[in-house]
Amino acid sequence: MSDIMIIRPRRLRINQKMRDLIGETVLTKNDLIMPLFVDENLNTGKKEIPSMPNQYRFSIDGVVEECKYIADLGIPAVILFGIPKYKDEIASSAYDKNGVIQKSIRKIKDEIGDELLVIADTCLCEYTSHGHCGLINNNKVLNDETLEILSKIALSYAESGVDIVAPSDMMDGRVGKIRETLEDNGYKDVVIMSYAAKYASSFYGPFRDAAESSPKSSIKDRKTYQMDYRNSREAMREIELDIKEGADMILIKPAISYLDILKMAKENFNIPIGAYCVSGEYSMIEAAAQRGWLNREEAIMETLLSIKRAGADFIITYWAKEVADNFNIFNI
């Protein structure tokens, strides 16, 4: 008999029980955050988003009921995006104390309290007539002037009872300005989850339909302030700056095409790091599944587990509710 031992890693993949026994990556309900769109133009109920199958815009009362269901599923958090009735050049609806997100936060907290963490996306794009994430003058997006608006938005969310504010604008210095404003007004315990590495991606298309946030000015894209997808070291600089300014958690967006960025961030920073599996990533899989080109449940789990494997402590995903409600179907 040969003295050479035959190494067979395949033995450890021979059946499901064996694979489950030694599986390195685990996804639980506690890893999930559900994104929700709240439309001030809806009086009741919900309205389906055509480019995002099985996703909806909710009325304020509708989103409260949806949040109750999400909390009952054991999902720990939602992130809210608003569609206001009124838009202008300075995003005044975004920091209105009676704005769509402010009302939603108060109603959710009144109904279910601390059973669910409420995160509020903190940006201008859904509230501006021009669709950009910052103020505009002479065909330029103004960084420093935008910080004042962002801090007003964050403060209004804190006053409404939000748990986490999530600046997604990618203006330089916004985390520091928001942290200063929150602390000066007595909201020292409000968490900042910074979209620290948000790329100028083509995968945001369905979201912009859902949130009515496509750029409408002579500045046709967001490449002057969102990150260049050719760059990775730049992302580490952005993350480091946001942490120094007071970010408690950071987010990589999008997810699937940026798993290398997520892994680099996890290896370089000792802070909770998440990823946003964005609308385009969602809709690609949904569209392919509708045509029978792939196994939908397997593709969803492969996607989410790859994000977790790359280092995500939490994942914002439009599949959160479905996965949490059907863990057996998804073989978790």
Protein backbone atom coordinates (compact mmCIF):
# COMPACT_ATOMS: atom_id res chain seq x y z
CA MET A 1 0.00 0.00 0.00
CA SER A 2 1.30 3.42 -0.89
CA ASP A 3 2.67 5.59 1.89
CA ILE A 4 1.19 8.63 0.11
CA MET A 5 -1.98 9.82 1.77
CA ILE A 6 -4.72 10.72 -0.70
CA ILE A 7 -6.04 14.19 0.14
CA ARG A 8 -9.71 14.45 -0.80
CA PRO A 9 -11.35 17.78 0.21
CA ARG A 10 -14.41 16.53 -1.71
CA ARG A 11 -15.15 14.19 1.18
CA LEU A 12 -16.21 17.21 3.21
CA ARG A 13 -18.80 18.19 0.59
CA ILE A 14 -20.39 14.76 0.22
CA ASN A 15 -23.85 15.66 1.62
CA GLN A 16 -25.84 18.59 3.03
CA LYS A 17 -25.30 17.66 6.69
CA MET A 18 -21.55 17.54 6.19
CA ARG A 19 -21.57 20.86 4.35
CA ASP A 20 -23.67 22.46 7.10
CA LEU A 21 -21.37 21.08 9.79
CA ILE A 22 -18.27 22.83 8.47
CA GLY A 23 -19.80 25.82 6.66
CA GLU A 24 -17.65 28.89 7.34
CA THR A 25 -20.19 31.62 6.60
CA VAL A 26 -23.51 32.01 8.41
CA LEU A 27 -26.36 34.38 7.60
CA THR A 28 -28.98 35.14 10.26
CA LYS A 29 -31.93 37.48 10.56
CA ASN A 30 -29.79 39.76 12.68
CA ASP A 31 -27.62 40.50 9.64
CA LEU A 32 -30.49 42.00 7.63
CA ILE A 33 -31.80 45.53 7.11
CA MET A 34 -34.94 46.10 5.01
CA PRO A 35 -35.12 49.23 2.81
CA LEU A 36 -38.54 50.92 2.62
CA PHE A 37 -39.85 53.75 0.44
CA VAL A 38 -42.39 56.13 2.00
CA ASP A 39 -44.44 58.18 -0.46
CA GLU A 40 -46.11 61.30 0.89
CA ASN A 41 -48.37 61.35 -2.17
CA LEU A 42 -50.08 58.10 -1.10
CA ASN A 43 -52.90 58.49 1.40
CA THR A 44 -53.22 54.79 2.16
CA GLY A 45 -51.75 51.42 1.30
CA LYS A 46 -48.93 50.83 -1.11
CA LYS A 47 -47.98 51.05 -4.78
CA GLU A 48 -45.74 48.56 -6.60
CA ILE A 49 -42.45 49.76 -8.10
CA PRO A 50 -42.42 48.55 -11.75
CA SER A 51 -38.63 48.19 -12.03
CA MET A 52 -38.37 46.35 -8.69
CA PRO A 53 -40.70 43.34 -8.62
CA ASN A 54 -42.41 42.76 -5.25
CA GLN A 55 -41.15 46.09 -3.85
CA TYR A 56 -43.47 48.97 -3.00
CA ARG A 57 -43.86 52.59 -2.08
CA PHE A 58 -45.86 52.85 1.13
CA SER A 59 -48.08 55.53 2.60
CA ILE A 60 -47.06 56.68 6.08
CA ASP A 61 -49.71 54.48 7.72
CA GLY A 62 -48.78 51.68 5.34
CA VAL A 63 -45.11 51.79 6.29
CA VAL A 64 -46.01 51.60 9.97
CA GLU A 65 -47.93 48.37 9.36
CA GLU A 66 -45.06 47.05 7.23
CA CYS A 67 -42.61 47.81 10.04
CA LYS A 68 -44.77 45.90 12.52
CA TYR A 69 -44.60 42.86 10.25
CA ILE A 70 -40.85 43.23 9.76
CA ALA A 71 -40.30 43.47 13.52
CA ASP A 72 -42.39 40.33 14.04
CA LEU A 73 -40.13 38.50 11.56
CA GLY A 74 -37.13 39.24 13.78
CA ILE A 75 -35.38 41.62 11.40
CA PRO A 76 -33.61 44.20 13.57
CA ALA A 77 -33.75 47.31 11.38
CA VAL A 78 -35.29 49.18 8.46
CA ILE A 79 -33.88 52.07 6.45
CA LEU A 80 -36.36 54.68 5.23
CA PHE A 81 -36.30 56.67 1.98
CA GLY A 82 -38.82 59.45 1.40
CA ILE A 83 -40.72 60.68 -1.64
CA PRO A 84 -42.10 64.13 -0.74
CA LYS A 85 -45.02 66.07 -2.21
CA TYR A 86 -42.87 69.16 -2.61
CA LYS A 87 -39.36 69.56 -4.04
CA ASP A 88 -37.20 72.65 -4.41
CA GLU A 89 -33.58 73.56 -5.05
CA ILE A 90 -32.59 73.45 -1.37
CA ALA A 91 -34.38 70.23 -0.31
CA SER A 92 -36.45 72.06 2.31
CA SER A 93 -38.90 69.14 2.59
CA ALA A 94 -36.05 66.96 3.82
CA TYR A 95 -35.64 68.91 7.07
CA ASP A 96 -39.28 69.87 7.57
CA LYS A 97 -40.34 68.72 11.04
CA ASN A 98 -43.57 67.50 9.45
CA GLY A 99 -41.84 65.89 6.48
CA VAL A 100 -42.66 62.41 5.25
CA ILE A 101 -39.75 60.67 7.00
CA GLN A 102 -40.11 62.67 10.21
CA LYS A 103 -43.78 61.69 10.46
CA SER A 104 -42.94 58.08 9.66
CA ILE A 105 -40.25 57.87 12.33
CA ARG A 106 -42.58 59.25 14.98
CA LYS A 107 -45.43 56.92 14.05
CA ILE A 108 -43.21 53.84 13.89
CA LYS A 109 -41.68 54.61 17.27
CA ASP A 110 -45.10 55.37 18.79
CA GLU A 111 -46.44 52.01 17.58
CA ILE A 112 -43.52 49.62 18.17
CA GLY A 113 -40.91 51.55 20.15
CA ASP A 114 -37.54 49.84 20.36
CA GLU A 115 -38.69 46.57 18.77
CA LEU A 116 -37.19 47.85 15.52
CA LEU A 117 -34.23 50.09 14.77
CA VAL A 118 -35.18 52.93 12.44
CA ILE A 119 -32.48 54.20 10.11
CA ALA A 120 -33.10 57.32 8.02
CA ASP A 121 -31.22 57.83 4.78
CA THR A 122 -29.82 61.36 5.04
CA CYS A 123 -29.46 63.01 1.67
CA LEU A 124 -30.91 65.72 -0.59
CA CYS A 125 -31.50 63.89 -3.87
CA GLU A 126 -35.09 62.75 -3.24
CA TYR A 127 -36.06 66.26 -2.12
CA THR A 128 -34.37 68.51 -4.67
CA SER A 129 -35.96 69.63 -7.93
CA HIS A 130 -32.63 68.99 -9.68
CA GLY A 131 -32.17 65.48 -8.24
CA HIS A 132 -28.64 65.93 -6.91
CA CYS A 133 -27.28 65.07 -3.47
CA GLY A 134 -26.00 68.59 -2.88
CA LEU A 135 -26.86 72.21 -3.51
CA ILE A 136 -26.08 73.52 -7.00
CA ASN A 137 -24.78 76.84 -8.27
CA ASN A 138 -23.27 77.68 -11.66
CA ASN A 139 -23.46 74.03 -12.72
CA LYS A 140 -21.41 72.89 -9.74
CA VAL A 141 -22.41 70.81 -6.74
CA LEU A 142 -21.48 72.81 -3.64
CA ASN A 143 -19.78 70.73 -0.97
CA ASP A 144 -19.50 73.02 2.06
CA GLU A 145 -22.87 74.72 1.65
CA THR A 146 -24.53 71.29 1.46
CA LEU A 147 -23.16 70.33 4.88
CA GLU A 148 -25.47 72.83 6.57
CA ILE A 149 -28.52 71.24 4.94
CA LEU A 150 -27.40 67.72 5.77
CA SER A 151 -26.91 68.59 9.42
CA LYS A 152 -30.41 70.14 9.55
CA ILE A 153 -31.87 66.95 8.06
CA ALA A 154 -30.02 64.75 10.54
CA LEU A 155 -31.12 66.90 13.47
CA SER A 156 -34.77 66.79 12.37
CA TYR A 157 -34.56 62.99 12.22
CA ALA A 158 -33.00 62.85 15.68
CA GLU A 159 -35.74 65.08 17.06
CA SER A 160 -38.29 62.68 15.57
CA GLY A 161 -36.76 59.72 17.40
CA VAL A 162 -34.55 58.04 14.81
CA ASP A 163 -31.97 55.49 15.98
CA ILE A 164 -29.47 55.88 13.14
CA VAL A 165 -28.85 58.60 10.56
CA ALA A 166 -27.24 57.47 7.32
CA PRO A 167 -25.59 60.21 5.26
CA SER A 168 -25.41 58.93 1.67
CA ASP A 169 -24.43 62.11 -0.17
CA MET A 170 -20.63 61.65 -0.31
CA MET A 171 -19.86 65.31 0.48
CA ASP A 172 -16.51 65.81 2.19
CA GLY A 173 -16.80 66.58 5.90
CA ARG A 174 -20.47 65.73 6.31
CA VAL A 175 -19.97 63.16 9.07
CA GLY A 176 -18.08 65.66 11.20
CA LYS A 177 -20.70 68.35 10.67
CA ILE A 178 -23.56 66.00 11.48
CA ARG A 179 -21.81 64.65 14.57
CA GLU A 180 -21.14 68.18 15.83
CA THR A 181 -24.76 69.23 15.25
CA LEU A 182 -26.19 66.17 16.98
CA GLU A 183 -23.94 66.52 20.00
CA ASP A 184 -24.51 70.27 20.33
CA ASN A 185 -28.25 69.61 20.46
CA GLY A 186 -28.09 66.80 23.02
CA TYR A 187 -28.41 63.81 20.66
CA LYS A 188 -25.15 62.13 21.61
CA ASP A 189 -26.55 58.61 21.35
CA VAL A 190 -27.81 58.84 17.77
CA VAL A 191 -25.67 56.54 15.64
CA ILE A 192 -24.14 57.67 12.34
CA MET A 193 -23.95 55.00 9.64
CA SER A 194 -21.93 56.59 6.88
CA TYR A 195 -22.10 55.58 3.24
CA ALA A 196 -18.33 55.93 3.34
CA ALA A 197 -17.57 54.25 0.02
CA LYS A 198 -20.45 54.95 -2.34
CA TYR A 199 -19.55 54.51 -5.98
CA ALA A 200 -20.96 56.30 -9.02
CA SER A 201 -22.61 53.12 -10.18
CA SER A 202 -24.96 52.12 -12.99
CA PHE A 203 -26.73 49.77 -10.58
CA TYR A 204 -28.85 52.51 -8.97
CA GLY A 205 -31.33 52.85 -11.85
CA PRO A 206 -34.38 51.11 -10.32
CA PHE A 207 -33.88 52.95 -7.02
CA ARG A 208 -33.95 56.30 -8.81
CA ASP A 209 -37.23 55.31 -10.40
CA ALA A 210 -38.60 54.30 -7.01
CA ALA A 211 -37.41 57.42 -5.18
CA GLU A 212 -37.79 59.86 -8.10
CA SER A 213 -34.19 60.94 -7.56
CA SER A 214 -32.62 60.93 -11.03
CA PRO A 215 -30.46 64.01 -11.81
CA LYS A 216 -32.46 66.55 -13.80
CA SER A 217 -30.03 69.46 -14.12
CA SER A 218 -27.34 70.12 -16.70
CA ILE A 219 -25.10 67.98 -14.46
CA LYS A 220 -26.17 64.61 -15.80
CA ASP A 221 -24.43 62.29 -13.34
CA ARG A 222 -22.94 62.18 -9.84
CA LYS A 223 -19.38 61.40 -10.76
CA THR A 224 -18.01 64.63 -9.27
CA TYR A 225 -18.89 63.49 -5.75
CA GLN A 226 -19.57 59.74 -5.77
CA MET A 227 -16.54 57.49 -6.11
CA ASP A 228 -14.83 56.39 -9.32
CA TYR A 229 -15.35 52.63 -9.71
CA ARG A 230 -11.77 52.24 -10.93
CA ASN A 231 -10.43 53.12 -7.47
CA SER A 232 -9.99 51.07 -4.31
CA ARG A 233 -7.30 52.87 -2.24
CA GLU A 234 -9.42 56.00 -2.41
CA ALA A 235 -12.21 54.10 -0.64
CA MET A 236 -9.90 53.39 2.28
CA ARG A 237 -9.13 57.09 2.58
CA GLU A 238 -12.83 57.95 2.52
CA ILE A 239 -13.60 55.38 5.21
CA GLU A 240 -10.72 56.52 7.43
CA LEU A 241 -11.84 60.14 7.23
CA ASP A 242 -15.44 59.29 8.12
CA ILE A 243 -14.34 57.23 11.11
CA LYS A 244 -12.13 60.08 12.34
CA GLU A 245 -15.08 62.46 12.00
CA GLY A 246 -17.31 60.29 14.19
CA ALA A 247 -18.98 57.59 12.09
CA ASP A 248 -20.06 54.62 14.20
CA MET A 249 -20.73 52.27 11.27
CA ILE A 250 -19.77 52.41 7.62
CA LEU A 251 -21.39 51.16 4.46
CA ILE A 252 -20.09 49.97 1.08
CA LYS A 253 -22.42 50.58 -1.88
CA PRO A 254 -23.07 48.71 -4.19
CA ALA A 255 -22.22 45.24 -2.91
CA ILE A 256 -21.70 42.55 -5.53
CA SER A 257 -19.24 44.42 -7.76
CA TYR A 258 -17.40 45.82 -4.72
CA LEU A 259 -16.71 42.77 -2.57
CA ASP A 260 -13.00 43.56 -2.83
CA ILE A 261 -13.67 46.96 -1.24
CA LEU A 262 -15.69 45.34 1.51
CA LYS A 263 -12.90 42.85 2.23
CA MET A 264 -10.26 45.59 2.27
CA ALA A 265 -12.36 47.66 4.65
CA LYS A 266 -12.89 44.72 6.98
CA GLU A 267 -9.16 44.03 7.08
CA ASN A 268 -8.22 47.66 7.72
CA PHE A 269 -10.84 49.02 10.13
CA ASN A 270 -12.17 47.78 13.47
CA ILE A 271 -15.69 49.16 13.11
CA PRO A 272 -19.02 47.62 12.04
CA ILE A 273 -19.05 47.44 8.25
CA GLY A 274 -22.04 46.74 6.05
CA ALA A 275 -22.92 46.55 2.38
CA TYR A 276 -25.95 47.69 0.43
CA CYS A 277 -27.13 45.13 -2.13
CA VAL A 278 -28.66 47.77 -4.35
CA SER A 279 -31.71 47.97 -6.59
CA GLY A 280 -29.93 47.07 -9.82
CA GLU A 281 -28.38 44.00 -8.25
CA TYR A 282 -31.82 43.01 -6.96
CA SER A 283 -33.63 43.63 -10.23
CA MET A 284 -31.04 41.78 -12.35
CA ILE A 285 -31.58 38.58 -10.41
CA GLU A 286 -35.36 39.04 -10.33
CA ALA A 287 -35.50 39.63 -14.09
CA ALA A 288 -33.31 36.63 -14.87
CA ALA A 289 -35.36 34.43 -12.55
CA GLN A 290 -38.61 35.51 -14.21
CA ARG A 291 -37.19 34.29 -17.51
CA GLY A 292 -36.12 30.98 -16.04
CA TRP A 293 -32.42 31.71 -16.60
CA LEU A 294 -31.38 30.91 -13.02
CA ASN A 295 -32.63 29.40 -9.78
CA ARG A 296 -33.95 32.41 -7.88
CA GLU A 297 -33.58 31.16 -4.30
CA GLU A 298 -30.08 29.80 -4.93
CA ALA A 299 -29.00 33.06 -6.60
CA ILE A 300 -30.33 35.13 -3.71
CA MET A 301 -28.51 33.07 -1.11
CA GLU A 302 -25.29 32.94 -3.12
CA THR A 303 -25.42 36.72 -3.38
CA LEU A 304 -26.11 37.40 0.29
CA LEU A 305 -23.64 34.81 1.59
CA SER A 306 -20.90 36.14 -0.70
CA ILE A 307 -21.45 39.60 0.80
CA LYS A 308 -21.28 38.13 4.31
CA ARG A 309 -18.21 36.04 3.38
CA ALA A 310 -16.40 39.16 2.17
CA GLY A 311 -16.78 40.67 5.64
CA ALA A 312 -20.15 42.37 6.00
CA ASP A 313 -21.46 42.65 9.55
CA PHE A 314 -24.86 43.63 8.15
CA ILE A 315 -26.54 43.77 4.75
CA ILE A 316 -29.16 46.18 3.43
CA THR A 317 -31.17 44.07 1.03
CA TYR A 318 -34.60 44.15 -0.63
CA TRP A 319 -34.78 40.40 0.04
CA ALA A 320 -34.53 40.84 3.83
CA LYS A 321 -38.20 40.30 4.57
CA GLU A 322 -38.58 37.33 2.24
CA VAL A 323 -35.43 35.59 3.46
CA ALA A 324 -36.33 36.10 7.13
CA ASP A 325 -39.83 34.76 6.48
CA ASN A 326 -38.64 31.70 4.56
CA PHE A 327 -35.36 30.56 6.12
CA ASN A 328 -36.17 26.89 5.48
CA ILE A 329 -36.84 27.50 1.79
CA PHE A 330 -33.53 29.32 1.49
CA ASN A 331 -31.67 26.48 3.26
CA ILE A 332 -30.29 28.65 6.03
